[in-house]
N, C-alpha and C. Protein backbone atom coordinates (compact mmCIF):
# COMPACT_ATOMS: atom_id res chain seq x y z
N UNK A 1 0.84 -1.18 0.00
CA UNK A 1 0.00 0.00 0.00
C UNK A 1 0.89 1.25 0.00
N UNK A 2 0.32 2.34 -0.41
CA UNK A 2 1.05 3.59 -0.44
C UNK A 2 0.99 4.26 0.92
N UNK A 3 2.14 4.86 1.31
CA UNK A 3 2.24 5.55 2.59
C UNK A 3 1.42 6.84 2.55
N UNK A 4 0.77 7.14 3.65
CA UNK A 4 -0.01 8.39 3.74
C UNK A 4 0.48 9.26 4.89
N UNK A 5 1.56 8.86 5.57
CA UNK A 5 2.06 9.65 6.70
C UNK A 5 3.28 10.48 6.27
N UNK A 6 4.48 9.98 6.47
CA UNK A 6 5.70 10.73 6.19
C UNK A 6 6.14 10.66 4.74
N UNK A 7 6.06 9.49 4.14
CA UNK A 7 6.58 9.27 2.79
C UNK A 7 5.42 9.11 1.82
N UNK A 8 4.64 10.13 1.67
CA UNK A 8 3.43 10.06 0.85
C UNK A 8 3.74 9.62 -0.57
N UNK A 9 3.01 8.60 -1.03
CA UNK A 9 3.16 8.10 -2.39
C UNK A 9 4.13 6.94 -2.52
N UNK A 10 4.96 6.68 -1.51
CA UNK A 10 5.93 5.57 -1.56
C UNK A 10 5.25 4.28 -1.09
N UNK A 11 5.67 3.16 -1.65
CA UNK A 11 5.14 1.86 -1.24
C UNK A 11 5.67 1.51 0.15
N UNK A 12 4.79 1.04 1.01
CA UNK A 12 5.18 0.72 2.39
C UNK A 12 4.45 -0.53 2.84
N UNK A 13 5.20 -1.45 3.43
CA UNK A 13 4.58 -2.69 3.90
C UNK A 13 3.89 -2.52 5.25
N UNK A 14 4.07 -1.37 5.90
CA UNK A 14 3.46 -1.13 7.21
C UNK A 14 2.13 -0.39 7.11
N UNK A 15 1.73 0.00 5.92
CA UNK A 15 0.47 0.72 5.76
C UNK A 15 -0.69 -0.27 5.72
N UNK A 16 -1.73 0.06 6.43
CA UNK A 16 -2.94 -0.76 6.45
C UNK A 16 -4.15 0.10 6.14
N UNK A 17 -5.30 -0.46 6.27
CA UNK A 17 -6.53 0.29 5.98
C UNK A 17 -6.74 1.44 6.97
N UNK A 18 -6.25 1.26 8.19
CA UNK A 18 -6.43 2.28 9.22
C UNK A 18 -5.21 3.18 9.39
N UNK A 19 -4.30 3.16 8.46
CA UNK A 19 -3.09 3.99 8.54
C UNK A 19 -1.86 3.15 8.81
N UNK A 20 -0.82 3.80 9.28
CA UNK A 20 0.46 3.13 9.51
C UNK A 20 0.37 2.20 10.71
N UNK A 21 0.80 0.97 10.53
CA UNK A 21 0.73 -0.02 11.61
C UNK A 21 2.06 -0.19 12.33
N UNK A 22 3.07 0.63 11.97
CA UNK A 22 4.36 0.54 12.67
C UNK A 22 4.18 1.05 14.09
N UNK A 23 5.09 0.69 14.98
CA UNK A 23 4.98 0.95 16.41
C UNK A 23 4.63 2.42 16.72
N UNK A 24 5.33 3.35 16.13
CA UNK A 24 5.09 4.77 16.44
C UNK A 24 4.03 5.38 15.53
N UNK A 25 3.53 4.65 14.57
CA UNK A 25 2.52 5.16 13.67
C UNK A 25 3.08 5.90 12.47
N UNK A 26 4.41 5.94 12.34
CA UNK A 26 5.05 6.60 11.21
C UNK A 26 6.51 6.19 11.17
N UNK A 27 7.16 6.38 10.03
CA UNK A 27 8.58 6.09 9.88
C UNK A 27 9.41 7.19 10.55
N UNK A 28 10.62 6.83 10.95
CA UNK A 28 11.54 7.78 11.55
C UNK A 28 12.53 8.26 10.50
N UNK A 29 13.05 9.46 10.68
CA UNK A 29 14.03 10.00 9.75
C UNK A 29 15.38 9.32 9.96
N UNK A 30 16.23 9.39 8.94
CA UNK A 30 17.55 8.75 9.00
C UNK A 30 18.43 9.46 10.02
N UNK A 31 19.43 8.75 10.52
CA UNK A 31 20.40 9.30 11.46
C UNK A 31 21.67 9.65 10.71
N UNK A 32 22.63 10.28 11.37
CA UNK A 32 23.84 10.75 10.69
C UNK A 32 24.69 9.60 10.15
N UNK A 33 24.63 8.41 10.73
CA UNK A 33 25.38 7.27 10.21
C UNK A 33 24.87 6.84 8.84
N UNK A 34 23.63 7.16 8.52
CA UNK A 34 23.03 6.78 7.24
C UNK A 34 23.47 7.67 6.09
N UNK A 35 24.04 8.83 6.39
CA UNK A 35 24.41 9.77 5.32
C UNK A 35 25.37 9.11 4.34
N UNK A 36 25.03 9.18 3.06
CA UNK A 36 25.83 8.57 2.01
C UNK A 36 25.25 7.26 1.50
N UNK A 37 24.24 6.74 2.15
CA UNK A 37 23.62 5.48 1.74
C UNK A 37 22.74 5.72 0.52
N UNK A 38 22.71 4.75 -0.37
CA UNK A 38 21.91 4.87 -1.59
C UNK A 38 20.43 4.59 -1.34
N UNK A 39 20.08 4.10 -0.18
CA UNK A 39 18.69 3.74 0.12
C UNK A 39 17.89 4.90 0.74
N UNK A 40 18.50 6.05 0.87
CA UNK A 40 17.82 7.21 1.44
C UNK A 40 16.91 7.83 0.40
N UNK A 41 15.67 8.08 0.79
CA UNK A 41 14.75 8.81 -0.07
C UNK A 41 14.42 10.13 0.61
N UNK A 42 14.30 11.17 -0.17
CA UNK A 42 14.05 12.49 0.39
C UNK A 42 12.74 13.05 -0.17
N UNK A 43 11.94 13.61 0.72
CA UNK A 43 10.71 14.28 0.31
C UNK A 43 10.51 15.51 1.18
N UNK A 44 9.36 16.15 1.09
CA UNK A 44 9.14 17.40 1.83
C UNK A 44 9.16 17.21 3.34
N UNK A 45 8.90 16.02 3.84
CA UNK A 45 8.90 15.76 5.28
C UNK A 45 10.30 15.49 5.83
N UNK A 46 11.28 15.19 4.97
CA UNK A 46 12.64 14.93 5.40
C UNK A 46 13.26 13.76 4.66
N UNK A 47 14.32 13.19 5.24
CA UNK A 47 15.02 12.05 4.65
C UNK A 47 14.62 10.78 5.39
N UNK A 48 14.26 9.74 4.62
CA UNK A 48 13.82 8.48 5.20
C UNK A 48 14.52 7.32 4.51
N UNK A 49 14.64 6.20 5.22
CA UNK A 49 15.19 4.98 4.65
C UNK A 49 14.10 4.30 3.83
N UNK A 50 14.45 3.86 2.65
CA UNK A 50 13.48 3.21 1.77
C UNK A 50 13.21 1.77 2.18
N UNK A 51 14.05 1.21 3.05
CA UNK A 51 13.95 -0.20 3.39
C UNK A 51 13.44 -0.44 4.81
N UNK A 52 13.85 0.39 5.76
CA UNK A 52 13.54 0.13 7.17
C UNK A 52 12.91 1.37 7.81
N UNK A 53 11.85 1.23 8.61
CA UNK A 53 11.15 2.39 9.15
C UNK A 53 11.86 3.09 10.31
N UNK A 54 12.79 2.42 11.01
CA UNK A 54 13.46 3.04 12.16
C UNK A 54 14.97 2.83 12.04
N UNK A 55 15.65 3.65 11.23
CA UNK A 55 17.08 3.45 10.96
C UNK A 55 17.97 3.48 12.20
N UNK A 56 17.62 4.25 13.20
CA UNK A 56 18.46 4.33 14.40
C UNK A 56 18.63 2.97 15.07
N UNK A 57 17.60 2.15 15.04
CA UNK A 57 17.66 0.82 15.66
C UNK A 57 18.64 -0.09 14.92
N UNK A 58 18.78 0.09 13.61
CA UNK A 58 19.71 -0.74 12.83
C UNK A 58 21.16 -0.44 13.18
N UNK A 59 21.45 0.77 13.66
CA UNK A 59 22.82 1.16 13.97
C UNK A 59 23.19 0.93 15.43
N UNK A 60 22.26 0.50 16.28
CA UNK A 60 22.55 0.33 17.70
C UNK A 60 23.58 -0.76 17.98
N UNK A 61 23.55 -1.85 17.23
CA UNK A 61 24.45 -2.98 17.48
C UNK A 61 25.58 -3.06 16.46
N UNK A 62 25.94 -1.95 15.89
CA UNK A 62 27.02 -1.94 14.91
C UNK A 62 26.55 -1.37 13.59
N UNK A 63 27.06 -1.92 12.51
CA UNK A 63 26.77 -1.40 11.18
C UNK A 63 25.42 -1.93 10.70
N UNK A 64 24.64 -1.05 10.08
CA UNK A 64 23.35 -1.43 9.51
C UNK A 64 23.58 -2.40 8.36
N UNK A 65 22.83 -3.47 8.32
CA UNK A 65 23.03 -4.47 7.27
C UNK A 65 22.48 -4.01 5.92
N UNK A 66 21.73 -2.91 5.89
CA UNK A 66 21.23 -2.37 4.64
C UNK A 66 22.12 -1.27 4.08
N UNK A 67 23.13 -0.83 4.82
CA UNK A 67 23.98 0.29 4.43
C UNK A 67 24.77 -0.05 3.17
N UNK A 68 24.68 0.84 2.18
CA UNK A 68 25.41 0.64 0.93
C UNK A 68 26.73 1.40 0.92
N UNK A 69 26.93 2.30 1.86
CA UNK A 69 28.13 3.13 1.88
C UNK A 69 29.20 2.62 2.85
N UNK A 70 28.92 1.55 3.58
CA UNK A 70 29.86 1.00 4.55
C UNK A 70 30.20 -0.43 4.15
N UNK A 71 31.47 -0.70 4.04
CA UNK A 71 31.93 -2.05 3.72
C UNK A 71 32.29 -2.77 5.02
N UNK A 72 31.89 -4.03 5.18
CA UNK A 72 32.23 -4.77 6.40
C UNK A 72 33.73 -5.02 6.47
N UNK A 73 34.27 -4.94 7.66
CA UNK A 73 35.69 -5.18 7.85
C UNK A 73 35.97 -6.67 7.91
N UNK A 74 36.85 -7.14 7.03
CA UNK A 74 37.23 -8.54 7.00
C UNK A 74 38.66 -8.64 7.52
N UNK A 75 38.89 -9.40 8.59
CA UNK A 75 40.25 -9.50 9.12
C UNK A 75 41.19 -10.16 8.11
N UNK A 76 42.37 -9.57 7.96
CA UNK A 76 43.36 -10.10 7.03
C UNK A 76 44.14 -11.22 7.71
N UNK A 77 44.35 -12.31 7.01
CA UNK A 77 45.14 -13.42 7.54
C UNK A 77 46.48 -13.44 6.83
N UNK A 78 47.45 -14.01 7.47
CA UNK A 78 48.77 -14.11 6.86
C UNK A 78 48.73 -15.13 5.73
N UNK A 79 49.64 -14.95 4.77
CA UNK A 79 49.71 -15.87 3.65
C UNK A 79 50.06 -17.26 4.18
N UNK A 80 49.33 -18.26 3.79
CA UNK A 80 49.59 -19.63 4.23
C UNK A 80 48.97 -19.95 5.58
N UNK A 81 48.26 -19.02 6.19
CA UNK A 81 47.68 -19.25 7.50
C UNK A 81 46.40 -20.08 7.42
N UNK A 82 45.83 -20.22 6.23
CA UNK A 82 44.61 -21.02 6.10
C UNK A 82 44.95 -22.49 6.26
N UNK A 83 44.07 -23.21 6.88
CA UNK A 83 44.31 -24.61 7.17
C UNK A 83 43.12 -25.43 6.69
N UNK A 84 43.40 -26.47 5.96
CA UNK A 84 42.34 -27.35 5.49
C UNK A 84 41.87 -28.20 6.66
N UNK A 85 40.59 -28.15 7.02
CA UNK A 85 40.11 -28.89 8.19
C UNK A 85 40.23 -30.41 8.03
N UNK A 86 40.11 -30.93 6.81
CA UNK A 86 40.27 -32.38 6.61
C UNK A 86 41.69 -32.82 6.89
N UNK A 87 42.65 -32.07 6.36
CA UNK A 87 44.05 -32.41 6.60
C UNK A 87 44.40 -32.27 8.07
N UNK A 88 43.86 -31.26 8.73
CA UNK A 88 44.13 -31.07 10.15
C UNK A 88 43.58 -32.23 10.97
N UNK A 89 42.41 -32.73 10.61
CA UNK A 89 41.83 -33.87 11.33
C UNK A 89 42.66 -35.13 11.13
N UNK A 90 43.16 -35.34 9.91
CA UNK A 90 44.00 -36.52 9.63
C UNK A 90 45.31 -36.45 10.42
N UNK A 91 45.90 -35.25 10.45
CA UNK A 91 47.15 -35.11 11.20
C UNK A 91 46.92 -35.36 12.68
N UNK A 92 45.82 -34.88 13.19
CA UNK A 92 45.51 -35.06 14.61
C UNK A 92 45.28 -36.53 14.95
N UNK A 93 44.66 -37.25 14.02
CA UNK A 93 44.41 -38.66 14.29
C UNK A 93 45.69 -39.49 14.25
N UNK A 94 46.70 -39.04 13.49
CA UNK A 94 47.99 -39.75 13.43
C UNK A 94 48.90 -39.35 14.58
N UNK A 95 48.51 -38.34 15.34
CA UNK A 95 49.31 -37.95 16.49
C UNK A 95 50.38 -36.92 16.16
N UNK A 96 50.27 -36.22 15.10
CA UNK A 96 51.27 -35.19 14.75
C UNK A 96 50.89 -33.86 15.27
């Protein structure tokens, strides 16, 4: 259904026959961590996330999983540090 509260005209899965069914009755505006994300939509009421109604909650436990401007940090391993689990199990069973 189309939103009739903050993001008028946008498709929203929280809209029902009696209005917005989200907890607060409307979507929340984006927070400063969201700046630069491609999922931000802007209208006369402000900037909103196109995917999630309460962006601040997505950033409470770290990086938002919908963020397009933040790359997850992958720990670098030393060359040759990878170990094949099958070979490791065979070595362990032989007592090495």
